[in-house]
């Protein structure tokens, strides 16, 4: 009985260590295969080729893809995601401590973005930041188009 149990346990452990195919990663991570290829081309994840020239991934890639998806959802550019992931050891799954470090890097940026979007939402009715649609009631005041001397484009809301 003990031999049967250990044999079953060994099979389960072997399955757990088995590398994943690109299709398995895509299905488990909830992304398209093309997304995985893109992430790999961008240096966000890695794979290797088996003897049949098929991609294989370590299971740790699932957590990396999860981190990438969360970061993208918060608006973090891929370049910054790549830089943050580059600080993690290549061969191990990111830990809770790793995630805390990564998210701390992004927290300030996210707070800034929320504040900027809130200001924009609150001024959206009468202002486009200053182009100026309503000189009489402009909350940002641009008398004589003095901002025009600084260059073209709606940019005033970005610096507040």
N, C-alpha and C. Protein backbone atom coordinates (compact mmCIF):
# COMPACT_ATOMS: atom_id res chain seq x y z
N UNK A 1 0.83 -1.20 0.00
CA UNK A 1 0.00 0.00 0.00
C UNK A 1 0.87 1.25 0.00
N UNK A 2 1.91 1.28 0.81
CA UNK A 2 2.80 2.43 0.86
C UNK A 2 3.48 2.65 -0.48
N UNK A 3 3.83 1.56 -1.16
CA UNK A 3 4.48 1.67 -2.47
C UNK A 3 3.52 2.27 -3.48
N UNK A 4 2.26 1.86 -3.44
CA UNK A 4 1.25 2.39 -4.36
C UNK A 4 1.05 3.89 -4.11
N UNK A 5 0.99 4.28 -2.84
CA UNK A 5 0.82 5.69 -2.47
C UNK A 5 2.01 6.51 -2.93
N UNK A 6 3.21 6.00 -2.71
CA UNK A 6 4.39 6.76 -3.10
C UNK A 6 4.49 6.84 -4.62
N UNK A 7 4.06 5.80 -5.31
CA UNK A 7 4.08 5.81 -6.76
C UNK A 7 3.10 6.86 -7.30
N UNK A 8 1.93 6.95 -6.72
CA UNK A 8 0.95 7.96 -7.13
C UNK A 8 1.46 9.36 -6.82
N UNK A 9 2.09 9.49 -5.67
CA UNK A 9 2.64 10.79 -5.28
C UNK A 9 3.76 11.20 -6.23
N UNK A 10 4.59 10.25 -6.61
CA UNK A 10 5.68 10.53 -7.55
C UNK A 10 5.12 10.99 -8.89
N UNK A 11 4.05 10.36 -9.35
CA UNK A 11 3.42 10.77 -10.60
C UNK A 11 2.90 12.20 -10.51
N UNK A 12 2.26 12.52 -9.40
CA UNK A 12 1.74 13.87 -9.20
C UNK A 12 2.87 14.89 -9.17
N UNK A 13 3.94 14.55 -8.49
CA UNK A 13 5.09 15.46 -8.42
C UNK A 13 5.73 15.63 -9.79
N UNK A 14 5.84 14.56 -10.56
CA UNK A 14 6.41 14.64 -11.91
C UNK A 14 5.53 15.53 -12.78
N UNK A 15 4.24 15.40 -12.66
CA UNK A 15 3.32 16.23 -13.43
C UNK A 15 3.47 17.70 -13.04
N UNK A 16 3.65 17.94 -11.75
CA UNK A 16 3.81 19.31 -11.27
C UNK A 16 5.10 19.95 -11.80
N UNK A 17 6.13 19.15 -11.98
CA UNK A 17 7.42 19.67 -12.48
C UNK A 17 7.47 19.74 -14.00
N UNK A 18 6.53 19.11 -14.67
CA UNK A 18 6.53 19.08 -16.12
C UNK A 18 6.37 20.48 -16.69
N UNK A 19 7.23 20.85 -17.66
CA UNK A 19 7.09 22.16 -18.29
C UNK A 19 5.74 22.26 -19.01
N UNK A 20 5.29 23.47 -19.21
CA UNK A 20 4.01 23.72 -19.86
C UNK A 20 4.19 24.11 -21.32
N UNK A 21 3.24 23.73 -22.15
CA UNK A 21 3.24 24.14 -23.55
C UNK A 21 2.71 25.57 -23.62
N UNK A 22 2.89 26.20 -24.76
CA UNK A 22 2.40 27.56 -24.93
C UNK A 22 0.87 27.58 -24.81
N UNK A 23 0.20 26.56 -25.31
CA UNK A 23 -1.25 26.49 -25.20
C UNK A 23 -1.71 26.35 -23.75
N UNK A 24 -0.99 25.53 -22.99
CA UNK A 24 -1.35 25.36 -21.58
C UNK A 24 -1.15 26.65 -20.80
N UNK A 25 -0.07 27.36 -21.07
CA UNK A 25 0.17 28.64 -20.38
C UNK A 25 -0.91 29.63 -20.77
N UNK A 26 -1.22 29.71 -22.05
CA UNK A 26 -2.24 30.65 -22.52
C UNK A 26 -3.58 30.38 -21.83
N UNK A 27 -3.97 29.12 -21.79
CA UNK A 27 -5.24 28.75 -21.17
C UNK A 27 -5.25 29.06 -19.68
N UNK A 28 -4.19 28.66 -18.99
CA UNK A 28 -4.15 28.86 -17.53
C UNK A 28 -4.00 30.32 -17.15
N UNK A 29 -3.30 31.11 -17.98
CA UNK A 29 -3.08 32.52 -17.67
C UNK A 29 -4.21 33.42 -18.18
N UNK A 30 -5.06 32.87 -19.05
CA UNK A 30 -6.16 33.65 -19.58
C UNK A 30 -5.72 34.68 -20.61
N UNK A 31 -4.70 34.34 -21.39
CA UNK A 31 -4.23 35.24 -22.45
C UNK A 31 -4.13 34.46 -23.75
N UNK A 32 -4.02 35.17 -24.85
CA UNK A 32 -3.86 34.52 -26.15
C UNK A 32 -2.42 34.04 -26.32
N UNK A 33 -2.23 33.03 -27.13
CA UNK A 33 -0.89 32.54 -27.45
C UNK A 33 -0.04 33.67 -28.01
N UNK A 34 -0.65 34.49 -28.86
CA UNK A 34 0.09 35.62 -29.45
C UNK A 34 0.57 36.59 -28.37
N UNK A 35 -0.19 36.73 -27.29
CA UNK A 35 0.23 37.59 -26.18
C UNK A 35 1.49 37.03 -25.54
N UNK A 36 1.54 35.72 -25.35
CA UNK A 36 2.74 35.10 -24.78
C UNK A 36 3.94 35.31 -25.70
N UNK A 37 3.73 35.16 -26.99
CA UNK A 37 4.82 35.40 -27.94
C UNK A 37 5.30 36.85 -27.85
N UNK A 38 4.35 37.77 -27.73
CA UNK A 38 4.68 39.19 -27.60
C UNK A 38 5.46 39.44 -26.31
N UNK A 39 4.98 38.91 -25.18
CA UNK A 39 5.68 39.08 -23.91
C UNK A 39 7.11 38.54 -24.01
N UNK A 40 7.26 37.43 -24.68
CA UNK A 40 8.58 36.84 -24.83
C UNK A 40 9.47 37.73 -25.71
N UNK A 41 8.93 38.23 -26.79
CA UNK A 41 9.70 39.12 -27.68
C UNK A 41 10.11 40.40 -26.95
N UNK A 42 9.29 40.83 -25.99
CA UNK A 42 9.58 42.03 -25.21
C UNK A 42 10.49 41.76 -24.02
N UNK A 43 10.87 40.50 -23.83
CA UNK A 43 11.78 40.15 -22.73
C UNK A 43 11.11 40.06 -21.37
N UNK A 44 9.80 39.90 -21.35
CA UNK A 44 9.06 39.82 -20.09
C UNK A 44 9.02 38.40 -19.53
N UNK A 45 9.01 37.42 -20.41
CA UNK A 45 9.01 36.01 -20.01
C UNK A 45 9.99 35.26 -20.90
N UNK A 46 10.34 34.05 -20.50
CA UNK A 46 11.25 33.23 -21.31
C UNK A 46 10.69 31.83 -21.48
N UNK A 47 11.13 31.20 -22.55
CA UNK A 47 10.80 29.81 -22.82
C UNK A 47 12.03 29.15 -23.40
N UNK A 48 11.92 27.88 -23.68
CA UNK A 48 12.97 27.16 -24.40
C UNK A 48 12.29 26.25 -25.39
N UNK A 49 13.08 25.69 -26.27
CA UNK A 49 12.54 24.79 -27.30
C UNK A 49 12.90 23.36 -26.94
N UNK A 50 11.93 22.45 -27.10
CA UNK A 50 12.22 21.04 -26.88
C UNK A 50 12.82 20.45 -28.16
N UNK A 51 13.05 19.16 -28.16
CA UNK A 51 13.68 18.52 -29.32
C UNK A 51 12.82 18.61 -30.58
N UNK A 52 11.52 18.80 -30.42
CA UNK A 52 10.62 18.97 -31.56
C UNK A 52 10.44 20.43 -31.94
N UNK A 53 11.27 21.31 -31.38
CA UNK A 53 11.26 22.75 -31.64
C UNK A 53 9.97 23.43 -31.17
N UNK A 54 9.35 22.88 -30.13
CA UNK A 54 8.14 23.48 -29.56
C UNK A 54 8.52 24.23 -28.29
N UNK A 55 7.85 25.35 -28.07
CA UNK A 55 8.11 26.16 -26.87
C UNK A 55 7.67 25.42 -25.62
N UNK A 56 8.47 25.58 -24.59
CA UNK A 56 8.13 25.06 -23.27
C UNK A 56 8.41 26.14 -22.24
N UNK A 57 7.56 26.18 -21.23
CA UNK A 57 7.66 27.19 -20.19
C UNK A 57 7.73 26.53 -18.82
N UNK A 58 8.53 27.10 -17.94
CA UNK A 58 8.51 26.69 -16.54
C UNK A 58 7.19 27.18 -15.95
N UNK A 59 6.70 26.49 -14.96
CA UNK A 59 5.41 26.87 -14.37
C UNK A 59 5.45 28.25 -13.72
N UNK A 60 6.63 28.69 -13.37
CA UNK A 60 6.78 30.02 -12.76
C UNK A 60 6.29 31.13 -13.68
N UNK A 61 6.25 30.85 -14.97
CA UNK A 61 5.83 31.87 -15.93
C UNK A 61 4.38 32.30 -15.68
N UNK A 62 3.58 31.42 -15.10
CA UNK A 62 2.18 31.77 -14.82
C UNK A 62 2.09 32.96 -13.87
N UNK A 63 2.93 32.96 -12.85
CA UNK A 63 2.89 34.08 -11.90
C UNK A 63 3.44 35.34 -12.55
N UNK A 64 4.46 35.19 -13.38
CA UNK A 64 5.01 36.36 -14.09
C UNK A 64 3.94 36.97 -15.00
N UNK A 65 3.20 36.14 -15.70
CA UNK A 65 2.14 36.65 -16.57
C UNK A 65 1.08 37.35 -15.72
N UNK A 66 0.77 36.81 -14.56
CA UNK A 66 -0.21 37.46 -13.68
C UNK A 66 0.28 38.84 -13.25
N UNK A 67 1.55 38.95 -12.91
CA UNK A 67 2.13 40.24 -12.53
C UNK A 67 2.06 41.22 -13.70
N UNK A 68 2.40 40.75 -14.88
CA UNK A 68 2.36 41.60 -16.08
C UNK A 68 0.94 42.11 -16.32
N UNK A 69 -0.04 41.21 -16.22
CA UNK A 69 -1.42 41.60 -16.47
C UNK A 69 -1.92 42.64 -15.46
N UNK A 70 -1.59 42.45 -14.20
CA UNK A 70 -2.00 43.42 -13.18
C UNK A 70 -1.34 44.77 -13.44
N UNK A 71 -0.05 44.74 -13.73
CA UNK A 71 0.67 45.99 -14.00
C UNK A 71 0.10 46.70 -15.22
N UNK A 72 -0.18 45.96 -16.28
CA UNK A 72 -0.77 46.57 -17.47
C UNK A 72 -2.14 47.17 -17.16
N UNK A 73 -2.91 46.47 -16.38
CA UNK A 73 -4.25 46.95 -16.03
C UNK A 73 -4.19 48.28 -15.28
N UNK A 74 -3.12 48.52 -14.55
CA UNK A 74 -2.98 49.78 -13.82
C UNK A 74 -2.32 50.85 -14.68
N UNK A 75 -1.97 50.49 -15.93
CA UNK A 75 -1.42 51.48 -16.85
C UNK A 75 0.09 51.60 -16.84
N UNK A 76 0.77 50.65 -16.23
CA UNK A 76 2.24 50.70 -16.20
C UNK A 76 2.75 50.32 -17.59
N UNK A 77 3.63 51.14 -18.16
CA UNK A 77 4.17 50.83 -19.49
C UNK A 77 5.00 49.54 -19.48
N UNK A 78 5.00 48.82 -20.59
CA UNK A 78 5.74 47.56 -20.69
C UNK A 78 7.22 47.73 -20.37
N UNK A 79 7.79 48.85 -20.75
CA UNK A 79 9.21 49.08 -20.45
C UNK A 79 9.46 49.03 -18.94
N UNK A 80 8.58 49.66 -18.17
CA UNK A 80 8.74 49.66 -16.71
C UNK A 80 8.45 48.28 -16.12
N UNK A 81 7.52 47.57 -16.70
CA UNK A 81 7.24 46.20 -16.24
C UNK A 81 8.48 45.34 -16.47
N UNK A 82 9.08 45.45 -17.65
CA UNK A 82 10.28 44.68 -17.98
C UNK A 82 11.42 45.01 -17.00
N UNK A 83 11.61 46.30 -16.72
CA UNK A 83 12.67 46.71 -15.78
C UNK A 83 12.42 46.14 -14.39
N UNK A 84 11.17 46.16 -13.96
CA UNK A 84 10.85 45.62 -12.63
C UNK A 84 11.05 44.11 -12.59
N UNK A 85 10.59 43.41 -13.61
CA UNK A 85 10.76 41.95 -13.64
C UNK A 85 12.23 41.56 -13.74
N UNK A 86 13.03 42.43 -14.34
CA UNK A 86 14.47 42.14 -14.47
C UNK A 86 15.15 42.11 -13.11
N UNK A 87 14.52 42.69 -12.09
CA UNK A 87 15.11 42.66 -10.75
C UNK A 87 14.84 41.34 -10.04
N UNK A 88 13.95 40.52 -10.60
CA UNK A 88 13.61 39.23 -9.98
C UNK A 88 14.55 38.14 -10.47
N UNK A 89 14.83 37.19 -9.61
CA UNK A 89 15.63 36.04 -10.07
C UNK A 89 14.93 35.30 -11.20
N UNK A 90 15.65 34.95 -12.23
CA UNK A 90 15.08 34.32 -13.43
C UNK A 90 14.40 32.98 -13.18
N UNK A 91 14.95 32.19 -12.31
CA UNK A 91 14.50 30.80 -12.21
C UNK A 91 13.49 30.52 -11.10
N UNK A 92 13.02 31.54 -10.39
CA UNK A 92 12.07 31.22 -9.34
C UNK A 92 10.81 32.06 -9.47
N UNK A 93 9.78 31.54 -8.89
CA UNK A 93 8.49 32.22 -8.90
C UNK A 93 8.57 33.48 -8.05
N UNK A 94 8.04 34.60 -8.54
CA UNK A 94 8.01 35.80 -7.70
C UNK A 94 7.21 35.52 -6.42
N UNK A 95 7.75 35.95 -5.33
CA UNK A 95 7.13 35.72 -4.03
C UNK A 95 6.25 36.90 -3.63
N UNK A 96 5.60 36.78 -2.51
CA UNK A 96 4.81 37.89 -1.96
C UNK A 96 5.71 39.08 -1.70
N UNK A 97 6.90 38.84 -1.18
CA UNK A 97 7.84 39.95 -0.93
C UNK A 97 8.24 40.62 -2.25
N UNK A 98 8.47 39.81 -3.29
CA UNK A 98 8.79 40.38 -4.60
C UNK A 98 7.66 41.28 -5.08
N UNK A 99 6.42 40.80 -4.94
CA UNK A 99 5.28 41.58 -5.39
C UNK A 99 5.18 42.89 -4.62
N UNK A 100 5.45 42.85 -3.32
CA UNK A 100 5.39 44.08 -2.52
C UNK A 100 6.40 45.10 -3.03
N UNK A 101 7.59 44.64 -3.41
CA UNK A 101 8.61 45.56 -3.95
C UNK A 101 8.15 46.13 -5.28
N UNK A 102 7.64 45.26 -6.15
CA UNK A 102 7.19 45.72 -7.46
C UNK A 102 6.04 46.72 -7.33
N UNK A 103 5.06 46.37 -6.52
CA UNK A 103 3.89 47.24 -6.40
C UNK A 103 4.24 48.56 -5.72
N UNK A 104 5.22 48.56 -4.83
CA UNK A 104 5.65 49.81 -4.19
C UNK A 104 6.24 50.75 -5.23
N UNK A 105 6.95 50.19 -6.21
CA UNK A 105 7.52 51.01 -7.29
C UNK A 105 6.42 51.73 -8.05
N UNK A 106 5.28 51.08 -8.21
CA UNK A 106 4.22 51.60 -9.06
C UNK A 106 3.15 52.38 -8.32
N UNK A 107 3.12 52.27 -7.01
CA UNK A 107 2.06 52.90 -6.23
C UNK A 107 2.01 54.42 -6.44
N UNK A 108 3.15 55.07 -6.38
CA UNK A 108 3.21 56.52 -6.56
C UNK A 108 2.73 56.95 -7.93
N UNK A 109 3.14 56.22 -8.95
CA UNK A 109 2.71 56.53 -10.32
C UNK A 109 1.20 56.38 -10.46
N UNK A 110 0.67 55.34 -9.86
CA UNK A 110 -0.77 55.10 -9.95
C UNK A 110 -1.54 56.21 -9.22
N UNK A 111 -1.06 56.62 -8.06
CA UNK A 111 -1.70 57.70 -7.31
C UNK A 111 -1.68 58.99 -8.12
N UNK A 112 -0.54 59.30 -8.74
CA UNK A 112 -0.44 60.48 -9.60
C UNK A 112 -1.43 60.42 -10.75
N UNK A 113 -1.51 59.28 -11.39
CA UNK A 113 -2.41 59.11 -12.52
C UNK A 113 -3.86 59.30 -12.08
N UNK A 114 -4.23 58.75 -10.94
CA UNK A 114 -5.59 58.90 -10.42
C UNK A 114 -5.89 60.37 -10.15
N UNK A 115 -4.94 61.08 -9.53
CA UNK A 115 -5.14 62.50 -9.24
C UNK A 115 -5.28 63.32 -10.52
N UNK A 116 -4.46 63.02 -11.53
CA UNK A 116 -4.51 63.74 -12.80
C UNK A 116 -5.85 63.48 -13.50
N UNK A 117 -6.29 62.24 -13.50
CA UNK A 117 -7.57 61.91 -14.12
C UNK A 117 -8.74 62.53 -13.37
N UNK A 118 -8.65 62.60 -12.06
CA UNK A 118 -9.71 63.22 -11.26
C UNK A 118 -9.80 64.70 -11.59
N UNK A 119 -8.65 65.39 -11.69
CA UNK A 119 -8.66 66.81 -12.07
C UNK A 119 -9.26 66.99 -13.46
N UNK A 120 -8.86 66.14 -14.37
CA UNK A 120 -9.39 66.23 -15.73
C UNK A 120 -10.90 66.01 -15.75
N UNK A 121 -11.36 65.00 -15.02
CA UNK A 121 -12.81 64.74 -14.95
C UNK A 121 -13.55 65.95 -14.39
N UNK A 122 -13.00 66.55 -13.33
CA UNK A 122 -13.68 67.66 -12.68
C UNK A 122 -13.69 68.93 -13.54
N UNK A 123 -12.76 69.06 -14.47
CA UNK A 123 -12.69 70.25 -15.31
C UNK A 123 -13.13 69.98 -16.75
N UNK A 124 -13.59 68.79 -17.01
CA UNK A 124 -13.88 68.37 -18.37
C UNK A 124 -14.97 69.20 -19.05
N UNK A 125 -15.95 69.64 -18.30
CA UNK A 125 -17.06 70.38 -18.90
C UNK A 125 -16.61 71.67 -19.59
N UNK A 126 -15.67 72.38 -18.98
CA UNK A 126 -15.33 73.69 -19.50
C UNK A 126 -13.90 73.85 -19.97
N UNK A 127 -13.15 72.78 -19.99
CA UNK A 127 -11.73 72.95 -20.29
C UNK A 127 -11.15 71.74 -20.99
N UNK A 128 -10.28 72.00 -21.93
CA UNK A 128 -9.54 70.90 -22.54
C UNK A 128 -8.05 71.06 -22.31
N UNK A 129 -7.68 71.92 -21.42
CA UNK A 129 -6.36 71.95 -20.86
C UNK A 129 -5.30 72.82 -21.39
N UNK A 130 -5.27 73.66 -22.05
CA UNK A 130 -5.95 74.85 -22.42
C UNK A 130 -5.76 75.04 -23.92
N UNK A 131 -6.86 75.06 -24.57
CA UNK A 131 -6.79 75.18 -26.01
C UNK A 131 -7.44 76.40 -26.59
N UNK A 132 -8.10 77.22 -26.07
CA UNK A 132 -9.03 77.36 -24.97
C UNK A 132 -10.44 77.47 -25.55
N UNK A 133 -11.35 76.67 -25.04
CA UNK A 133 -12.71 76.66 -25.57
C UNK A 133 -13.56 77.79 -25.00
N UNK A 134 -13.24 78.24 -23.81
CA UNK A 134 -14.07 79.26 -23.17
C UNK A 134 -13.18 80.25 -22.44
N UNK A 135 -12.75 81.27 -23.15
CA UNK A 135 -11.86 82.27 -22.55
C UNK A 135 -12.54 82.97 -21.39
N UNK A 136 -13.84 83.17 -21.48
CA UNK A 136 -14.56 83.89 -20.43
C UNK A 136 -14.64 83.12 -19.12
N UNK A 137 -14.76 81.80 -19.19
CA UNK A 137 -14.95 81.04 -17.96
C UNK A 137 -13.85 80.02 -17.71
N UNK A 138 -12.71 80.20 -18.33
CA UNK A 138 -11.63 79.22 -18.21
C UNK A 138 -11.12 79.16 -16.77
N UNK A 139 -11.20 77.97 -16.16
CA UNK A 139 -10.71 77.85 -14.77
C UNK A 139 -9.18 77.93 -14.69
N UNK A 140 -8.52 77.79 -15.80
CA UNK A 140 -7.05 77.81 -15.79
C UNK A 140 -6.50 79.17 -16.17
N UNK A 141 -7.32 80.03 -16.74
CA UNK A 141 -6.97 81.38 -17.14
C UNK A 141 -5.72 81.43 -18.00
N UNK A 142 -5.93 81.83 -19.21
CA UNK A 142 -4.83 81.96 -20.17
C UNK A 142 -5.00 83.29 -20.91
N UNK A 143 -4.97 84.40 -20.17
CA UNK A 143 -5.22 85.69 -20.83
C UNK A 143 -4.18 85.96 -21.92
N UNK A 144 -4.70 86.45 -23.04
CA UNK A 144 -3.82 86.79 -24.15
C UNK A 144 -3.09 85.59 -24.73
N UNK A 145 -3.58 84.41 -24.45
CA UNK A 145 -2.95 83.17 -24.93
C UNK A 145 -1.46 83.13 -24.60
N UNK A 146 -1.12 83.55 -23.37
CA UNK A 146 0.29 83.56 -22.97
C UNK A 146 0.92 82.17 -23.04
N UNK A 147 0.10 81.12 -22.86
CA UNK A 147 0.64 79.77 -22.93
C UNK A 147 1.04 79.38 -24.34
N UNK A 148 0.49 80.09 -25.34
CA UNK A 148 0.84 79.82 -26.73
C UNK A 148 2.33 80.03 -26.99
N UNK A 149 2.95 80.92 -26.24
CA UNK A 149 4.39 81.17 -26.41
C UNK A 149 5.24 79.99 -25.94
N UNK A 150 4.66 79.15 -25.08
CA UNK A 150 5.40 77.98 -24.54
C UNK A 150 5.31 76.76 -25.44
N UNK A 151 4.49 76.85 -26.46
CA UNK A 151 4.37 75.72 -27.37
C UNK A 151 2.93 75.33 -27.62
N UNK A 152 2.76 74.48 -28.58
CA UNK A 152 1.43 74.05 -28.98
C UNK A 152 0.90 72.93 -28.10
N UNK A 153 -0.42 72.79 -28.10
CA UNK A 153 -1.03 71.63 -27.46
C UNK A 153 -1.63 71.90 -26.10
N UNK A 154 -2.55 71.04 -25.73
CA UNK A 154 -3.21 71.10 -24.43
C UNK A 154 -2.31 70.40 -23.41
N UNK A 155 -1.69 71.18 -22.55
CA UNK A 155 -0.72 70.59 -21.62
C UNK A 155 -0.84 71.11 -20.20
N UNK A 156 -1.63 72.13 -19.99
CA UNK A 156 -1.67 72.78 -18.68
C UNK A 156 -2.11 71.84 -17.57
N UNK A 157 -3.05 70.96 -17.84
CA UNK A 157 -3.53 70.05 -16.80
C UNK A 157 -2.44 69.06 -16.37
N UNK A 158 -1.49 68.79 -17.19
CA UNK A 158 -0.44 67.83 -16.88
C UNK A 158 0.51 68.32 -15.80
N UNK A 159 0.65 69.63 -15.63
CA UNK A 159 1.64 70.16 -14.69
C UNK A 159 1.05 70.57 -13.36
N UNK A 160 -0.23 70.48 -13.19
CA UNK A 160 -0.84 70.89 -11.93
C UNK A 160 -0.67 69.85 -10.88
